[in-house]
PDB file of N, CA and C in Angstrom:
ATOM      1  N   MET A   1     -18.575 -28.984   0.600  1.00  0.00           N
ATOM      2  CA  MET A   1     -19.466 -29.419  -0.155  1.00  0.00           C
ATOM      3  C   MET A   1     -20.818 -28.702   0.499  1.00  0.00           C
ATOM      4  N   ALA A   2     -21.832 -27.433  -1.130  1.00  0.00           N
ATOM      5  CA  ALA A   2     -22.801 -27.568   0.296  1.00  0.00           C
ATOM      6  C   ALA A   2     -23.742 -28.848   0.206  1.00  0.00           C
ATOM      7  N   ALA A   3     -24.948 -28.572   2.049  1.00  0.00           N
ATOM      8  CA  ALA A   3     -25.902 -29.627   1.732  1.00  0.00           C
ATOM      9  C   ALA A   3     -26.714 -29.486   0.376  1.00  0.00           C
ATOM     10  N   ARG A   4     -27.445 -30.839   0.193  1.00  0.00           N
ATOM     11  CA  ARG A   4     -27.865 -31.392  -0.668  1.00  0.00           C
ATOM     12  C   ARG A   4     -29.620 -31.616  -0.531  1.00  0.00           C
ATOM     13  N   GLY A   5     -30.182 -31.158  -1.185  1.00  0.00           N
ATOM     14  CA  GLY A   5     -31.935 -30.817  -0.411  1.00  0.00           C
ATOM     15  C   GLY A   5     -32.731 -32.145  -1.239  1.00  0.00           C
ATOM     16  N   SER A   6     -32.105 -32.255  -1.773  1.00  0.00           N
ATOM     17  CA  SER A   6     -32.277 -34.205  -1.871  1.00  0.00           C
ATOM     18  C   SER A   6     -31.482 -35.350  -2.251  1.00  0.00           C
ATOM     19  N   ILE A   7     -32.391 -36.292  -2.819  1.00  0.00           N
ATOM     20  CA  ILE A   7     -31.024 -36.897  -2.967  1.00  0.00           C
ATOM     21  C   ILE A   7     -31.365 -37.899  -4.262  1.00  0.00           C
ATOM     22  N   GLY A   8     -31.067 -38.497  -5.171  1.00  0.00           N
ATOM     23  CA  GLY A   8     -30.453 -38.333  -6.972  1.00  0.00           C
ATOM     24  C   GLY A   8     -30.212 -39.036  -7.467  1.00  0.00           C
ATOM     25  N   SER A   9     -30.155 -39.087  -8.865  1.00  0.00           N
ATOM     26  CA  SER A   9     -29.178 -40.115  -9.314  1.00  0.00           C
ATOM     27  C   SER A   9     -27.808 -38.169  -9.786  1.00  0.00           C
ATOM     28  N   PHE A  10     -28.842 -36.918  -9.795  1.00  0.00           N
ATOM     29  CA  PHE A  10     -28.209 -36.373 -10.245  1.00  0.00           C
ATOM     30  C   PHE A  10     -28.678 -35.159  -8.749  1.00  0.00           C
ATOM     31  N   SER A  11     -27.684 -35.359  -7.820  1.00  0.00           N
ATOM     32  CA  SER A  11     -28.221 -34.308  -6.926  1.00  0.00           C
ATOM     33  C   SER A  11     -27.139 -33.690  -6.542  1.00  0.00           C
ATOM     34  N   PHE A  12     -27.332 -32.601  -7.653  1.00  0.00           N
ATOM     35  CA  PHE A  12     -26.429 -31.399  -7.726  1.00  0.00           C
ATOM     36  C   PHE A  12     -27.131 -30.166  -6.059  1.00  0.00           C
ATOM     37  N   PRO A  13     -26.067 -29.753  -6.068  1.00  0.00           N
ATOM     38  CA  PRO A  13     -26.700 -29.071  -4.942  1.00  0.00           C
ATOM     39  C   PRO A  13     -27.583 -28.058  -4.985  1.00  0.00           C
ATOM     40  N   SER A  14     -28.078 -28.337  -4.062  1.00  0.00           N
ATOM     41  CA  SER A  14     -29.424 -27.047  -4.135  1.00  0.00           C
ATOM     42  C   SER A  14     -29.208 -26.222  -3.637  1.00  0.00           C
ATOM     43  N   PRO A  15     -29.718 -24.497  -4.030  1.00  0.00           N
ATOM     44  CA  PRO A  15     -30.111 -23.840  -3.701  1.00  0.00           C
ATOM     45  C   PRO A  15     -30.038 -22.857  -2.409  1.00  0.00           C
ATOM     46  N   ARG A  16     -29.465 -22.141  -1.676  1.00  0.00           N
ATOM     47  CA  ARG A  16     -30.231 -22.163   0.155  1.00  0.00           C
ATOM     48  C   ARG A  16     -31.705 -21.906   0.265  1.00  0.00           C
ATOM     49  N   GLY A  17     -32.816 -21.895   0.289  1.00  0.00           N
ATOM     50  CA  GLY A  17     -33.781 -22.023   1.003  1.00  0.00           C
ATOM     51  C   GLY A  17     -34.139 -20.441   1.560  1.00  0.00           C
ATOM     52  N   CYS A  18     -35.419 -19.971   2.086  1.00  0.00           N
ATOM     53  CA  CYS A  18     -35.152 -19.484   2.296  1.00  0.00           C
ATOM     54  C   CYS A  18     -34.735 -18.590   4.036  1.00  0.00           C
ATOM     55  N   LEU A  19     -33.790 -17.270   4.056  1.00  0.00           N
ATOM     56  CA  LEU A  19     -32.892 -17.600   4.912  1.00  0.00           C
ATOM     57  C   LEU A  19     -34.112 -16.241   6.219  1.00  0.00           C
ATOM     58  N   SER A  20     -33.421 -16.793   7.501  1.00  0.00           N
ATOM     59  CA  SER A  20     -34.055 -15.608   8.712  1.00  0.00           C
ATOM     60  C   SER A  20     -33.003 -14.585   7.685  1.00  0.00           C
ATOM     61  N   PRO A  21     -33.929 -13.446   8.678  1.00  0.00           N
ATOM     62  CA  PRO A  21     -32.981 -11.767   8.240  1.00  0.00           C
ATOM     63  C   PRO A  21     -32.374 -11.673   9.220  1.00  0.00           C
ATOM     64  N   SER A  22     -32.286 -12.155  10.614  1.00  0.00           N
ATOM     65  CA  SER A  22     -30.736 -12.313  11.535  1.00  0.00           C
ATOM     66  C   SER A  22     -30.437 -13.039  11.107  1.00  0.00           C
ATOM     67  N   SER A  23     -29.474 -13.893  10.237  1.00  0.00           N
ATOM     68  CA  SER A  23     -28.799 -14.969   9.457  1.00  0.00           C
ATOM     69  C   SER A  23     -28.378 -14.910   8.955  1.00  0.00           C
ATOM     70  N   LEU A  24     -29.181 -13.212   7.599  1.00  0.00           N
ATOM     71  CA  LEU A  24     -28.622 -13.437   7.526  1.00  0.00           C
ATOM     72  C   LEU A  24     -28.139 -11.360   8.084  1.00  0.00           C
ATOM     73  N   ALA A  25     -28.112 -11.123   8.154  1.00  0.00           N
ATOM     74  CA  ALA A  25     -27.400  -9.868   9.054  1.00  0.00           C
ATOM     75  C   ALA A  25     -26.047 -10.146   9.963  1.00  0.00           C
ATOM     76  N   GLY A  26     -26.162 -11.605  10.554  1.00  0.00           N
ATOM     77  CA  GLY A  26     -24.905 -11.908  10.523  1.00  0.00           C
ATOM     78  C   GLY A  26     -23.642 -12.329   9.286  1.00  0.00           C
ATOM     79  N   GLU A  27     -24.458 -12.875   8.589  1.00  0.00           N
ATOM     80  CA  GLU A  27     -23.229 -13.454   7.576  1.00  0.00           C
ATOM     81  C   GLU A  27     -22.554 -11.966   6.811  1.00  0.00           C
ATOM     82  N   LEU A  28     -23.214 -10.494   7.190  1.00  0.00           N
ATOM     83  CA  LEU A  28     -23.298 -10.168   6.335  1.00  0.00           C
ATOM     84  C   LEU A  28     -22.934  -8.875   6.934  1.00  0.00           C
ATOM     85  N   THR A  29     -22.916  -8.783   8.724  1.00  0.00           N
ATOM     86  CA  THR A  29     -21.669  -8.433   9.118  1.00  0.00           C
ATOM     87  C   THR A  29     -20.418  -9.477   9.384  1.00  0.00           C
ATOM     88  N   ARG A  30     -20.445 -11.016   9.360  1.00  0.00           N
ATOM     89  CA  ARG A  30     -18.657 -11.092   9.099  1.00  0.00           C
ATOM     90  C   ARG A  30     -18.466 -10.792   7.938  1.00  0.00           C
ATOM     91  N   LEU A  31     -18.374 -10.716   7.167  1.00  0.00           N
ATOM     92  CA  LEU A  31     -18.840 -10.351   5.114  1.00  0.00           C
ATOM     93  C   LEU A  31     -17.751  -8.970   5.394  1.00  0.00           C
ATOM     94  N   ASN A  32     -18.788  -7.775   6.475  1.00  0.00           N
ATOM     95  CA  ASN A  32     -17.084  -6.588   6.813  1.00  0.00           C
ATOM     96  C   ASN A  32     -16.045  -6.395   8.033  1.00  0.00           C
ATOM     97  N   ARG A  33     -16.474  -7.576   8.417  1.00  0.00           N
ATOM     98  CA  ARG A  33     -15.543  -7.485   9.112  1.00  0.00           C
ATOM     99  C   ARG A  33     -14.004  -7.424   8.119  1.00  0.00           C
ATOM    100  N   ILE A  34     -14.806  -8.892   7.655  1.00  0.00           N
ATOM    101  CA  ILE A  34     -13.948  -9.185   6.739  1.00  0.00           C
ATOM    102  C   ILE A  34     -12.733  -8.660   5.654  1.00  0.00           C
ATOM    103  N   THR A  35     -13.991  -7.568   5.449  1.00  0.00           N
ATOM    104  CA  THR A  35     -13.614  -6.315   3.845  1.00  0.00           C
ATOM    105  C   THR A  35     -12.800  -5.302   4.874  1.00  0.00           C
ATOM    106  N   SER A  36     -13.042  -4.583   6.355  1.00  0.00           N
ATOM    107  CA  SER A  36     -12.240  -4.500   7.141  1.00  0.00           C
ATOM    108  C   SER A  36     -10.932  -4.847   7.729  1.00  0.00           C
ATOM    109  N   LEU A  37     -11.327  -5.534   7.748  1.00  0.00           N
ATOM    110  CA  LEU A  37      -9.486  -7.028   7.844  1.00  0.00           C
ATOM    111  C   LEU A  37      -9.099  -6.692   6.853  1.00  0.00           C
ATOM    112  N   LEU A  38      -9.248  -6.548   5.922  1.00  0.00           N
ATOM    113  CA  LEU A  38      -8.560  -6.765   4.322  1.00  0.00           C
ATOM    114  C   LEU A  38      -8.078  -5.561   4.501  1.00  0.00           C
ATOM    115  N   ALA A  39      -8.670  -4.223   3.868  1.00  0.00           N
ATOM    116  CA  ALA A  39      -8.728  -3.077   3.799  1.00  0.00           C
ATOM    117  C   ALA A  39      -7.180  -2.771   4.744  1.00  0.00           C
ATOM    118  N   GLY A  40      -7.243  -2.783   6.242  1.00  0.00           N
ATOM    119  CA  GLY A  40      -6.347  -2.966   6.748  1.00  0.00           C
ATOM    120  C   GLY A  40      -5.249  -3.097   6.345  1.00  0.00           C
ATOM    121  N   ALA A  41      -5.053  -4.653   6.264  1.00  0.00           N
ATOM    122  CA  ALA A  41      -3.627  -4.409   5.432  1.00  0.00           C
ATOM    123  C   ALA A  41      -3.579  -3.864   4.799  1.00  0.00           C
ATOM    124  N   VAL A  42      -4.343  -3.924   3.933  1.00  0.00           N
ATOM    125  CA  VAL A  42      -3.580  -3.174   2.337  1.00  0.00           C
ATOM    126  C   VAL A  42      -3.265  -1.691   2.901  1.00  0.00           C
ATOM    127  N   PHE A  43      -3.687  -1.048   4.332  1.00  0.00           N
ATOM    128  CA  PHE A  43      -3.275   0.580   3.967  1.00  0.00           C
ATOM    129  C   PHE A  43      -2.395   0.417   5.626  1.00  0.00           C
ATOM    130  N   VAL A  44      -1.744  -0.486   6.115  1.00  0.00           N
ATOM    131  CA  VAL A  44      -0.659  -0.827   7.065  1.00  0.00           C
ATOM    132  C   VAL A  44       0.391  -1.411   5.525  1.00  0.00           C
ATOM    133  N   SER A  45       0.018  -2.011   4.390  1.00  0.00           N
ATOM    134  CA  SER A  45       1.239  -1.801   3.567  1.00  0.00           C
ATOM    135  C   SER A  45       1.653  -0.392   3.401  1.00  0.00           C
ATOM    136  N   LEU A  46       0.810   0.093   2.470  1.00  0.00           N
ATOM    137  CA  LEU A  46       0.763   0.871   1.893  1.00  0.00           C
ATOM    138  C   LEU A  46       2.019   1.530   3.096  1.00  0.00           C
ATOM    139  N   LEU A  47       1.727   2.423   4.452  1.00  0.00           N
ATOM    140  CA  LEU A  47       2.731   2.992   5.155  1.00  0.00           C
ATOM    141  C   LEU A  47       3.006   2.487   5.150  1.00  0.00           C
ATOM    142  N   GLY A  48       3.482   0.425   5.920  1.00  0.00           N
ATOM    143  CA  GLY A  48       4.916   0.546   6.057  1.00  0.00           C
ATOM    144  C   GLY A  48       5.666   0.655   3.713  1.00  0.00           C
ATOM    145  N   THR A  49       5.773   0.799   2.913  1.00  0.00           N
ATOM    146  CA  THR A  49       6.174   1.070   2.306  1.00  0.00           C
ATOM    147  C   THR A  49       6.566   2.215   1.707  1.00  0.00           C
ATOM    148  N   ALA A  50       5.450   3.268   2.372  1.00  0.00           N
ATOM    149  CA  ALA A  50       6.693   4.569   2.486  1.00  0.00           C
ATOM    150  C   ALA A  50       7.277   4.962   3.068  1.00  0.00           C
ATOM    151  N   TRP A  51       6.830   4.338   4.204  1.00  0.00           N
ATOM    152  CA  TRP A  51       8.143   4.185   5.433  1.00  0.00           C
ATOM    153  C   TRP A  51       9.410   3.358   4.949  1.00  0.00           C
ATOM    154  N   LEU A  52       9.338   3.280   4.053  1.00  0.00           N
ATOM    155  CA  LEU A  52      10.354   1.595   3.092  1.00  0.00           C
ATOM    156  C   LEU A  52      11.078   2.418   2.086  1.00  0.00           C
ATOM    157  N   ALA A  53      10.654   3.342   1.847  1.00  0.00           N
ATOM    158  CA  ALA A  53      10.820   4.273   0.529  1.00  0.00           C
ATOM    159  C   ALA A  53      12.301   5.656   1.542  1.00  0.00           C
ATOM    160  N   HIS A  54      10.218   6.003   2.145  1.00  0.00           N
ATOM    161  CA  HIS A  54      11.657   6.435   3.242  1.00  0.00           C
ATOM    162  C   HIS A  54      12.543   6.540   3.272  1.00  0.00           C
ATOM    163  N   LEU A  55      12.993   5.765   4.743  1.00  0.00           N
ATOM    164  CA  LEU A  55      14.253   5.452   4.124  1.00  0.00           C
ATOM    165  C   LEU A  55      15.675   4.513   3.778  1.00  0.00           C
ATOM    166  N   ALA A  56      14.928   3.597   2.406  1.00  0.00           N
ATOM    167  CA  ALA A  56      15.908   3.963   1.328  1.00  0.00           C
ATOM    168  C   ALA A  56      16.712   5.291   1.280  1.00  0.00           C
ATOM    169  N   ALA A  57      15.508   5.957   0.221  1.00  0.00           N
ATOM    170  CA  ALA A  57      16.435   7.321   0.255  1.00  0.00           C
ATOM    171  C   ALA A  57      17.183   8.066   1.223  1.00  0.00           C
ATOM    172  N   ARG A  58      16.901   8.019   2.347  1.00  0.00           N
ATOM    173  CA  ARG A  58      18.019   8.093   3.367  1.00  0.00           C
ATOM    174  C   ARG A  58      18.897   7.801   3.242  1.00  0.00           C
ATOM    175  N   ARG A  59      19.320   7.088   3.596  1.00  0.00           N
ATOM    176  CA  ARG A  59      20.080   5.898   4.103  1.00  0.00           C
ATOM    177  C   ARG A  59      21.174   5.653   2.390  1.00  0.00           C
ATOM    178  N   ALA A  60      20.149   5.342   1.575  1.00  0.00           N
ATOM    179  CA  ALA A  60      21.403   6.394   0.119  1.00  0.00           C
ATOM    180  C   ALA A  60      22.101   6.254  -0.039  1.00  0.00           C
ATOM    181  N   ASP A  61      23.564   6.162   0.446  1.00  0.00           N
ATOM    182  CA  ASP A  61      25.102   6.648  -0.591  1.00  0.00           C
ATOM    183  C   ASP A  61      24.775   7.737  -1.602  1.00  0.00           C
ATOM    184  N   VAL A  62      23.763   8.843  -1.964  1.00  0.00           N
ATOM    185  CA  VAL A  62      24.408   8.512  -4.070  1.00  0.00           C
ATOM    186  C   VAL A  62      25.091  10.392  -4.269  1.00  0.00           C
ATOM    187  N   LEU A  63      25.855  10.540  -4.784  1.00  0.00           N
ATOM    188  CA  LEU A  63      25.744  11.382  -5.552  1.00  0.00           C
ATOM    189  C   LEU A  63      26.157  11.859  -6.486  1.00  0.00           C
ATOM    190  N   PRO A  64      25.823  12.799  -6.585  1.00  0.00           N
ATOM    191  CA  PRO A  64      24.818  13.858  -7.072  1.00  0.00           C
ATOM    192  C   PRO A  64      26.379  13.950  -8.753  1.00  0.00           C
ATOM    193  N   PHE A  65      25.942  13.282  -9.886  1.00  0.00           N
ATOM    194  CA  PHE A  65      26.642  13.772 -11.113  1.00  0.00           C
ATOM    195  C   PHE A  65      25.976  14.440 -12.259  1.00  0.00           C
ATOM    196  N   VAL A  66      26.486  14.969 -12.669  1.00  0.00           N
ATOM    197  CA  VAL A  66      25.825  15.896 -14.112  1.00  0.00           C
ATOM    198  C   VAL A  66      25.935  15.443 -16.097  1.00  0.00           C
ATOM    199  N   ALA A  67      24.952  14.502 -16.389  1.00  0.00           N
ATOM    200  CA  ALA A  67      25.433  14.171 -17.892  1.00  0.00           C
ATOM    201  C   ALA A  67      26.348  15.320 -18.874  1.00  0.00           C
ATOM    202  N   ASP A  68      28.190  14.779 -19.144  1.00  0.00           N
ATOM    203  CA  ASP A  68      29.041  16.193 -19.497  1.00  0.00           C
ATOM    204  C   ASP A  68      28.726  15.401 -20.955  1.00  0.00           C
ATOM    205  N   GLY A  69      27.825  15.516 -21.224  1.00  0.00           N
ATOM    206  CA  GLY A  69      28.333  13.914 -22.483  1.00  0.00           C
ATOM    207  C   GLY A  69      29.170  12.780 -22.478  1.00  0.00           C
ATOM    208  N   GLY A  70      30.120  12.836 -21.325  1.00  0.00           N
ATOM    209  CA  GLY A  70      30.959  11.115 -21.938  1.00  0.00           C
ATOM    210  C   GLY A  70      30.198  10.331 -20.900  1.00  0.00           C
ATOM    211  N   VAL A  71      30.206   8.863 -20.926  1.00  0.00           N
ATOM    212  CA  VAL A  71      30.128   8.150 -20.405  1.00  0.00           C
ATOM    213  C   VAL A  71      29.798   7.808 -19.496  1.00  0.00           C
ATOM    214  N   PHE A  72      30.195   8.553 -18.221  1.00  0.00           N
ATOM    215  CA  PHE A  72      30.079   8.203 -16.887  1.00  0.00           C
ATOM    216  C   PHE A  72      29.600  10.126 -16.570  1.00  0.00           C
ATOM    217  N   GLY A  73      30.007  11.336 -17.020  1.00  0.00           N
ATOM    218  CA  GLY A  73      29.331  11.964 -16.724  1.00  0.00           C
ATOM    219  C   GLY A  73      30.171  12.556 -15.516  1.00  0.00           C
ATOM    220  N   CYS A  74      30.926  13.717 -14.510  1.00  0.00           N
ATOM    221  CA  CYS A  74      31.500  13.872 -14.010  1.00  0.00           C
ATOM    222  C   CYS A  74      30.683  14.935 -12.485  1.00  0.00           C
ATOM    223  N   ALA A  75      31.411  14.278 -11.388  1.00  0.00           N
ATOM    224  CA  ALA A  75      30.643  14.416 -10.105  1.00  0.00           C
ATOM    225  C   ALA A  75      30.527  16.049 -10.248  1.00  0.00           C
ATOM    226  N   VAL A  76      29.086  15.953  -8.835  1.00  0.00           N
ATOM    227  CA  VAL A  76      28.695  17.551  -9.366  1.00  0.00           C
ATOM    228  C   VAL A  76      29.282  17.631  -7.803  1.00  0.00           C
ATOM    229  N   ARG A  77      30.380  19.387  -7.166  1.00  0.00           N
ATOM    230  CA  ARG A  77      30.887  19.345  -6.190  1.00  0.00           C
ATOM    231  C   ARG A  77      29.324  20.442  -5.252  1.00  0.00           C
ATOM    232  N   VAL A  78      30.118  20.140  -3.967  1.00  0.00           N
ATOM    233  CA  VAL A  78      28.625  21.641  -2.994  1.00  0.00           C
ATOM    234  C   VAL A  78      29.540  21.923  -2.725  1.00  0.00           C
ATOM    235  N   LEU A  79      28.775  23.262  -3.933  1.00  0.00           N
ATOM    236  CA  LEU A  79      28.934  24.614  -2.987  1.00  0.00           C
ATOM    237  C   LEU A  79      28.648  26.020  -1.900  1.00  0.00           C
ATOM    238  N   ALA A  80      29.480  26.081  -1.597  1.00  0.00           N
ATOM    239  CA  ALA A  80      28.643  27.122  -0.230  1.00  0.00           C
ATOM    240  C   ALA A  80      27.603  27.479  -0.036  1.00  0.00           C
ATOM    241  N   ALA A  81      26.694  27.791   0.312  1.00  0.00           N
ATOM    242  CA  ALA A  81      25.336  29.404  -0.109  1.00  0.00           C
ATOM    243  C   ALA A  81      26.547  30.436   0.210  1.00  0.00           C
ATOM    244  N   PRO A  82      26.375  31.245  -0.189  1.00  0.00           N
ATOM    245  CA  PRO A  82      27.068  32.309  -0.012  1.00  0.00           C
ATOM    246  C   PRO A  82      26.759  33.634   1.283  1.00  0.00           C
ATOM    247  N   PRO A  83      27.469  33.838   2.335  1.00  0.00           N
ATOM    248  CA  PRO A  83      27.254  34.876   3.567  1.00  0.00           C
ATOM    249  C   PRO A  83      25.838  35.800   2.553  1.00  0.00           C
ATOM    250  N   ALA A  84      25.544  35.996   3.224  1.00  0.00           N
ATOM    251  CA  ALA A  84      23.903  37.256   3.549  1.00  0.00           C
ATOM    252  C   ALA A  84      25.097  38.068   3.578  1.00  0.00           C
ATOM    253  N   PRO A  85      24.058  39.319   3.047  1.00  0.00           N
ATOM    254  CA  PRO A  85      25.232  40.546   3.416  1.00  0.00           C
ATOM    255  C   PRO A  85      25.155  41.219   4.870  1.00  0.00           C
ATOM    256  N   ARG A  86      25.706  42.756   5.126  1.00  0.00           N
ATOM    257  CA  ARG A  86      25.148  42.801   6.079  1.00  0.00           C
ATOM    258  C   ARG A  86      24.476  43.568   6.265  1.00  0.00           C
ATOM    259  N   GLY A  87      23.886  43.128   7.959  1.00  0.00           N
ATOM    260  CA  GLY A  87      22.097  44.433   8.046  1.00  0.00           C
ATOM    261  C   GLY A  87      21.138  44.096   7.589  1.00  0.00           C
ATOM    262  N   GLU A  88      21.241  42.764   6.804  1.00  0.00           N
ATOM    263  CA  GLU A  88      19.489  41.912   6.365  1.00  0.00           C
ATOM    264  C   GLU A  88      20.108  40.132   6.705  1.00  0.00           C
ATOM    265  N   ARG A  89      18.703  40.540   7.273  1.00  0.00           N
ATOM    266  CA  ARG A  89      19.053  39.116   8.205  1.00  0.00           C
ATOM    267  C   ARG A  89      18.711  38.016   6.197  1.00  0.00           C
ATOM    268  N   GLU A  90      18.955  36.353   6.877  1.00  0.00           N
ATOM    269  CA  GLU A  90      18.765  35.460   5.635  1.00  0.00           C
ATOM    270  C   GLU A  90      17.515  34.707   5.554  1.00  0.00           C
ATOM    271  N   PRO A  91      17.103  34.804   5.363  1.00  0.00           N
ATOM    272  CA  PRO A  91      15.230  34.482   4.604  1.00  0.00           C
ATOM    273  C   PRO A  91      14.571  32.962   5.428  1.00  0.00           C
TER     274      PRO A  91
END
């Protein structure tokens, strides 16, 4: 609870009086550190989420299917790339 400037029957917390510039600068420095810490936590969690999404996509055992109008669709067969013509290099 905030400090009270006066004691009376209705002693609500009184507003802070005049503060020195050095104490206000210290308060702003403290708030700036807290803001930097929170921004860093958000950035690290964003990078962690992107990394976990990448790992999940790489490790997923997914077979491609084509919707052919049926209930389940049909699996896509993976075909090898056609060989490059002789005398030409593959791009």
